[in-house]
């Protein structure tokens, strides 16, 4: 893994990418935070950190609306891929854990 990839992995979490996706879909901080089961300040802080790290503005914000920027659209497209891949990896883990549980239960009842 190159230095940039390691740096990215250190500074950008899957959770922050989920927050980005939620805000892009809701276009409302309170609703996005509710969807992610976090407070609105938590969501805002994490998205600001993501913007700071990337050096781009992901959303235009004012008192009445939230609009995704062109850079935000590009990052959103990739965030969906990354989060989808992470979910698939977790699905593999869940399947294996379920298989181990069933095997263990069958072994103990036989």
N, C-alpha and C. Protein backbone atom coordinates (compact mmCIF):
# COMPACT_ATOMS: atom_id res chain seq x y z
N UNK A 1 0.85 -1.17 0.00
CA UNK A 1 0.00 0.00 0.00
C UNK A 1 0.90 1.23 0.00
N UNK A 2 0.66 2.16 -0.91
CA UNK A 2 1.45 3.38 -0.99
C UNK A 2 1.16 4.32 0.16
N UNK A 3 2.02 5.31 0.31
CA UNK A 3 1.87 6.28 1.40
C UNK A 3 0.53 7.01 1.31
N UNK A 4 0.13 7.40 0.12
CA UNK A 4 -1.13 8.11 -0.02
C UNK A 4 -2.31 7.23 0.36
N UNK A 5 -2.30 5.96 -0.03
CA UNK A 5 -3.40 5.06 0.30
C UNK A 5 -3.48 4.87 1.81
N UNK A 6 -2.35 4.69 2.46
CA UNK A 6 -2.33 4.55 3.91
C UNK A 6 -2.81 5.80 4.60
N UNK A 7 -2.41 6.94 4.08
CA UNK A 7 -2.83 8.22 4.63
C UNK A 7 -4.34 8.37 4.50
N UNK A 8 -4.87 8.02 3.35
CA UNK A 8 -6.32 8.09 3.12
C UNK A 8 -7.06 7.21 4.11
N UNK A 9 -6.60 5.96 4.24
CA UNK A 9 -7.25 5.02 5.15
C UNK A 9 -7.20 5.50 6.59
N UNK A 10 -6.17 6.22 6.95
CA UNK A 10 -6.03 6.75 8.30
C UNK A 10 -7.01 7.91 8.55
N UNK A 11 -7.27 8.70 7.52
CA UNK A 11 -8.05 9.92 7.70
C UNK A 11 -9.50 9.84 7.27
N UNK A 12 -9.86 8.86 6.48
CA UNK A 12 -11.23 8.78 5.98
C UNK A 12 -11.83 7.45 6.40
N UNK A 13 -12.93 7.51 7.14
CA UNK A 13 -13.57 6.29 7.61
C UNK A 13 -14.75 5.93 6.72
N UNK A 14 -15.10 4.66 6.74
CA UNK A 14 -16.30 4.20 6.04
C UNK A 14 -17.51 4.95 6.60
N UNK A 15 -17.49 5.17 7.89
CA UNK A 15 -18.59 5.89 8.54
C UNK A 15 -18.76 7.29 7.94
N UNK A 16 -17.66 8.00 7.74
CA UNK A 16 -17.75 9.34 7.14
C UNK A 16 -18.32 9.27 5.73
N UNK A 17 -17.94 8.22 4.99
CA UNK A 17 -18.49 8.06 3.64
C UNK A 17 -19.98 7.76 3.70
N UNK A 18 -20.41 7.01 4.71
CA UNK A 18 -21.85 6.76 4.89
C UNK A 18 -22.58 8.07 5.19
N UNK A 19 -21.96 8.93 5.98
CA UNK A 19 -22.56 10.24 6.28
C UNK A 19 -22.70 11.07 5.00
N UNK A 20 -21.68 11.03 4.18
CA UNK A 20 -21.71 11.75 2.90
C UNK A 20 -22.89 11.26 2.06
N UNK A 21 -23.04 9.95 1.95
CA UNK A 21 -24.12 9.37 1.15
C UNK A 21 -25.47 9.78 1.71
N UNK A 22 -25.62 9.71 3.02
CA UNK A 22 -26.89 10.07 3.65
C UNK A 22 -27.25 11.53 3.39
N UNK A 23 -26.27 12.43 3.54
CA UNK A 23 -26.55 13.84 3.31
C UNK A 23 -26.88 14.10 1.85
N UNK A 24 -26.18 13.44 0.95
CA UNK A 24 -26.46 13.61 -0.48
C UNK A 24 -27.88 13.14 -0.82
N UNK A 25 -28.34 12.11 -0.14
CA UNK A 25 -29.69 11.59 -0.41
C UNK A 25 -30.78 12.40 0.28
N UNK A 26 -30.49 12.91 1.47
CA UNK A 26 -31.49 13.66 2.24
C UNK A 26 -31.46 15.17 1.95
N UNK A 27 -30.26 15.67 1.64
CA UNK A 27 -30.04 17.12 1.48
C UNK A 27 -30.56 17.92 2.67
N UNK A 28 -30.44 17.30 3.84
CA UNK A 28 -30.86 17.92 5.09
C UNK A 28 -30.03 17.29 6.20
N UNK A 29 -29.32 18.13 6.96
CA UNK A 29 -28.42 17.61 7.99
C UNK A 29 -29.15 16.83 9.08
N UNK A 30 -30.29 17.34 9.53
CA UNK A 30 -31.01 16.65 10.60
C UNK A 30 -31.51 15.29 10.15
N UNK A 31 -32.09 15.21 8.96
CA UNK A 31 -32.59 13.93 8.46
C UNK A 31 -31.44 12.95 8.20
N UNK A 32 -30.34 13.46 7.64
CA UNK A 32 -29.18 12.59 7.39
C UNK A 32 -28.62 12.06 8.70
N UNK A 33 -28.52 12.92 9.70
CA UNK A 33 -28.02 12.50 11.01
C UNK A 33 -28.95 11.44 11.61
N UNK A 34 -30.23 11.66 11.50
CA UNK A 34 -31.20 10.70 12.02
C UNK A 34 -31.05 9.36 11.31
N UNK A 35 -30.90 9.38 10.00
CA UNK A 35 -30.71 8.15 9.23
C UNK A 35 -29.47 7.40 9.69
N UNK A 36 -28.42 8.15 10.05
CA UNK A 36 -27.15 7.53 10.46
C UNK A 36 -27.10 7.25 11.97
N UNK A 37 -28.16 7.62 12.67
CA UNK A 37 -28.25 7.42 14.13
C UNK A 37 -27.13 8.14 14.87
N UNK A 38 -26.85 9.38 14.45
CA UNK A 38 -25.88 10.24 15.13
C UNK A 38 -26.51 11.61 15.32
N UNK A 39 -25.85 12.44 16.09
CA UNK A 39 -26.33 13.80 16.24
C UNK A 39 -25.95 14.63 15.01
N UNK A 40 -26.67 15.70 14.80
CA UNK A 40 -26.38 16.57 13.67
C UNK A 40 -24.97 17.17 13.77
N UNK A 41 -24.53 17.60 14.96
CA UNK A 41 -23.15 18.10 15.05
C UNK A 41 -22.10 17.04 14.70
N UNK A 42 -22.33 15.79 15.10
CA UNK A 42 -21.39 14.71 14.77
C UNK A 42 -21.28 14.57 13.26
N UNK A 43 -22.42 14.52 12.57
CA UNK A 43 -22.42 14.40 11.12
C UNK A 43 -21.72 15.59 10.48
N UNK A 44 -22.03 16.77 10.93
CA UNK A 44 -21.43 17.99 10.37
C UNK A 44 -19.91 18.01 10.55
N UNK A 45 -19.45 17.65 11.73
CA UNK A 45 -18.02 17.66 12.02
C UNK A 45 -17.29 16.66 11.14
N UNK A 46 -17.84 15.45 11.03
CA UNK A 46 -17.18 14.42 10.22
C UNK A 46 -17.14 14.81 8.74
N UNK A 47 -18.20 15.42 8.24
CA UNK A 47 -18.20 15.85 6.84
C UNK A 47 -17.24 17.02 6.63
N UNK A 48 -17.13 17.90 7.60
CA UNK A 48 -16.18 19.02 7.50
C UNK A 48 -14.75 18.46 7.49
N UNK A 49 -14.48 17.47 8.34
CA UNK A 49 -13.15 16.85 8.36
C UNK A 49 -12.85 16.18 7.01
N UNK A 50 -13.85 15.53 6.43
CA UNK A 50 -13.67 14.90 5.12
C UNK A 50 -13.36 15.96 4.07
N UNK A 51 -14.10 17.06 4.09
CA UNK A 51 -13.84 18.16 3.15
C UNK A 51 -12.44 18.73 3.36
N UNK A 52 -12.06 18.92 4.60
CA UNK A 52 -10.73 19.47 4.90
C UNK A 52 -9.63 18.54 4.40
N UNK A 53 -9.80 17.24 4.64
CA UNK A 53 -8.79 16.28 4.21
C UNK A 53 -8.68 16.26 2.69
N UNK A 54 -9.82 16.23 2.01
CA UNK A 54 -9.82 16.15 0.55
C UNK A 54 -9.46 17.48 -0.10
N UNK A 55 -9.65 18.56 0.63
CA UNK A 55 -9.37 19.89 0.07
C UNK A 55 -10.42 20.35 -0.92
N UNK A 56 -11.62 19.82 -0.79
CA UNK A 56 -12.71 20.22 -1.68
C UNK A 56 -13.97 20.46 -0.85
N UNK A 57 -14.84 21.26 -1.40
CA UNK A 57 -16.14 21.49 -0.77
C UNK A 57 -17.11 20.47 -1.37
N UNK A 58 -17.69 19.65 -0.52
CA UNK A 58 -18.60 18.61 -0.99
C UNK A 58 -20.03 19.11 -1.13
N UNK A 59 -20.40 20.05 -0.26
CA UNK A 59 -21.75 20.61 -0.26
C UNK A 59 -21.70 22.11 -0.12
N UNK A 60 -22.62 22.77 -0.77
CA UNK A 60 -22.86 24.20 -0.54
C UNK A 60 -23.98 24.25 0.49
N UNK A 61 -23.76 25.02 1.55
CA UNK A 61 -24.74 25.09 2.62
C UNK A 61 -25.14 26.54 2.86
N UNK A 62 -26.41 26.73 3.14
CA UNK A 62 -26.86 28.01 3.68
C UNK A 62 -28.00 27.70 4.64
N UNK A 63 -28.66 28.69 5.12
CA UNK A 63 -29.68 28.47 6.16
C UNK A 63 -30.88 27.68 5.65
N UNK A 64 -31.12 27.72 4.36
CA UNK A 64 -32.35 27.10 3.86
C UNK A 64 -32.14 25.85 3.02
N UNK A 65 -30.90 25.60 2.55
CA UNK A 65 -30.72 24.43 1.70
C UNK A 65 -29.30 23.90 1.68
N UNK A 66 -29.20 22.66 1.24
CA UNK A 66 -27.92 21.98 1.08
C UNK A 66 -27.90 21.48 -0.37
N UNK A 67 -26.80 21.77 -1.08
CA UNK A 67 -26.66 21.34 -2.47
C UNK A 67 -25.30 20.69 -2.63
N UNK A 68 -25.28 19.53 -3.25
CA UNK A 68 -24.00 18.84 -3.50
C UNK A 68 -23.26 19.55 -4.63
N UNK A 69 -21.95 19.68 -4.48
CA UNK A 69 -21.13 20.34 -5.49
C UNK A 69 -20.70 19.32 -6.56
N UNK A 70 -20.07 19.81 -7.60
CA UNK A 70 -19.53 18.93 -8.63
C UNK A 70 -18.50 17.97 -8.05
N UNK A 71 -17.59 18.49 -7.22
CA UNK A 71 -16.62 17.61 -6.55
C UNK A 71 -17.34 16.63 -5.62
N UNK A 72 -18.39 17.11 -4.97
CA UNK A 72 -19.17 16.25 -4.09
C UNK A 72 -19.78 15.09 -4.85
N UNK A 73 -20.27 15.36 -6.05
CA UNK A 73 -20.85 14.29 -6.89
C UNK A 73 -19.79 13.25 -7.23
N UNK A 74 -18.59 13.70 -7.56
CA UNK A 74 -17.51 12.76 -7.90
C UNK A 74 -17.15 11.89 -6.69
N UNK A 75 -17.00 12.53 -5.54
CA UNK A 75 -16.65 11.79 -4.32
C UNK A 75 -17.80 10.86 -3.94
N UNK A 76 -19.03 11.32 -4.09
CA UNK A 76 -20.21 10.50 -3.77
C UNK A 76 -20.23 9.23 -4.60
N UNK A 77 -19.97 9.34 -5.88
CA UNK A 77 -19.96 8.17 -6.76
C UNK A 77 -18.96 7.13 -6.24
N UNK A 78 -17.78 7.59 -5.88
CA UNK A 78 -16.74 6.68 -5.38
C UNK A 78 -17.07 6.18 -3.97
N UNK A 79 -17.66 7.04 -3.15
CA UNK A 79 -18.04 6.63 -1.78
C UNK A 79 -19.04 5.48 -1.84
N UNK A 80 -19.96 5.54 -2.78
CA UNK A 80 -20.94 4.45 -2.91
C UNK A 80 -20.25 3.14 -3.27
N UNK A 81 -19.24 3.20 -4.10
CA UNK A 81 -18.48 2.00 -4.46
C UNK A 81 -17.75 1.45 -3.23
N UNK A 82 -17.06 2.32 -2.51
CA UNK A 82 -16.29 1.91 -1.33
C UNK A 82 -17.21 1.33 -0.26
N UNK A 83 -18.30 2.01 0.03
CA UNK A 83 -19.23 1.53 1.06
C UNK A 83 -19.88 0.23 0.62
N UNK A 84 -20.21 0.12 -0.66
CA UNK A 84 -20.78 -1.13 -1.17
C UNK A 84 -19.81 -2.29 -1.01
N UNK A 85 -18.54 -2.04 -1.32
CA UNK A 85 -17.52 -3.08 -1.17
C UNK A 85 -17.35 -3.46 0.31
N UNK A 86 -17.34 -2.47 1.18
CA UNK A 86 -17.21 -2.74 2.62
C UNK A 86 -18.39 -3.58 3.11
N UNK A 87 -19.59 -3.26 2.64
CA UNK A 87 -20.77 -4.02 3.03
C UNK A 87 -20.68 -5.47 2.53
N UNK A 88 -20.15 -5.65 1.34
CA UNK A 88 -19.97 -7.02 0.82
C UNK A 88 -18.97 -7.80 1.67
N UNK A 89 -17.90 -7.15 2.05
CA UNK A 89 -16.90 -7.80 2.91
C UNK A 89 -17.53 -8.19 4.25
N UNK A 90 -18.30 -7.29 4.83
CA UNK A 90 -18.97 -7.61 6.09
C UNK A 90 -19.99 -8.72 5.91
N UNK A 91 -20.63 -8.77 4.73
CA UNK A 91 -21.56 -9.85 4.44
C UNK A 91 -20.88 -11.20 4.43
N UNK A 92 -19.69 -11.26 3.88
CA UNK A 92 -18.91 -12.50 3.89
C UNK A 92 -18.64 -12.92 5.33
N UNK A 93 -18.23 -11.97 6.14
CA UNK A 93 -17.96 -12.27 7.55
C UNK A 93 -19.21 -12.77 8.25
N UNK A 94 -20.34 -12.09 8.05
CA UNK A 94 -21.59 -12.52 8.69
C UNK A 94 -21.98 -13.94 8.27
N UNK A 95 -21.82 -14.24 6.98
CA UNK A 95 -22.13 -15.59 6.48
C UNK A 95 -21.26 -16.63 7.16
N UNK A 96 -19.96 -16.35 7.25
CA UNK A 96 -19.04 -17.32 7.88
C UNK A 96 -19.37 -17.49 9.36
N UNK A 97 -19.67 -16.40 10.03
CA UNK A 97 -20.00 -16.47 11.46
C UNK A 97 -21.28 -17.29 11.66
N UNK A 98 -22.26 -17.08 10.79
CA UNK A 98 -23.52 -17.83 10.87
C UNK A 98 -23.26 -19.32 10.63
N UNK A 99 -22.42 -19.63 9.63
CA UNK A 99 -22.08 -21.02 9.34
C UNK A 99 -21.39 -21.67 10.53
N UNK A 100 -20.47 -20.96 11.17
CA UNK A 100 -19.78 -21.49 12.35
C UNK A 100 -20.76 -21.75 13.49
N UNK A 101 -21.71 -20.81 13.66
CA UNK A 101 -22.70 -20.95 14.73
C UNK A 101 -23.57 -22.18 14.48
N UNK A 102 -24.05 -22.33 13.24
CA UNK A 102 -24.90 -23.48 12.91
C UNK A 102 -24.12 -24.78 13.07
N UNK A 103 -22.89 -24.81 12.59
CA UNK A 103 -22.06 -26.01 12.72
C UNK A 103 -21.83 -26.34 14.20
N UNK A 104 -21.54 -25.31 14.99
CA UNK A 104 -21.31 -25.52 16.42
C UNK A 104 -22.59 -26.05 17.08
N UNK A 105 -23.73 -25.48 16.75
CA UNK A 105 -25.00 -25.92 17.34
C UNK A 105 -25.31 -27.36 16.93
N UNK A 106 -25.05 -27.72 15.68
CA UNK A 106 -25.31 -29.08 15.21
C UNK A 106 -24.38 -30.07 15.90
N UNK A 107 -23.14 -29.67 16.10
CA UNK A 107 -22.16 -30.55 16.72
C UNK A 107 -22.53 -30.79 18.18
N UNK A 108 -23.03 -29.78 18.87
CA UNK A 108 -23.36 -29.91 20.28
C UNK A 108 -24.68 -30.64 20.53
N UNK A 109 -25.55 -30.70 19.53
CA UNK A 109 -26.83 -31.38 19.72
C UNK A 109 -26.81 -32.81 19.19
N UNK A 110 -25.76 -33.17 18.50
CA UNK A 110 -25.68 -34.52 17.91
C UNK A 110 -25.24 -35.56 18.91
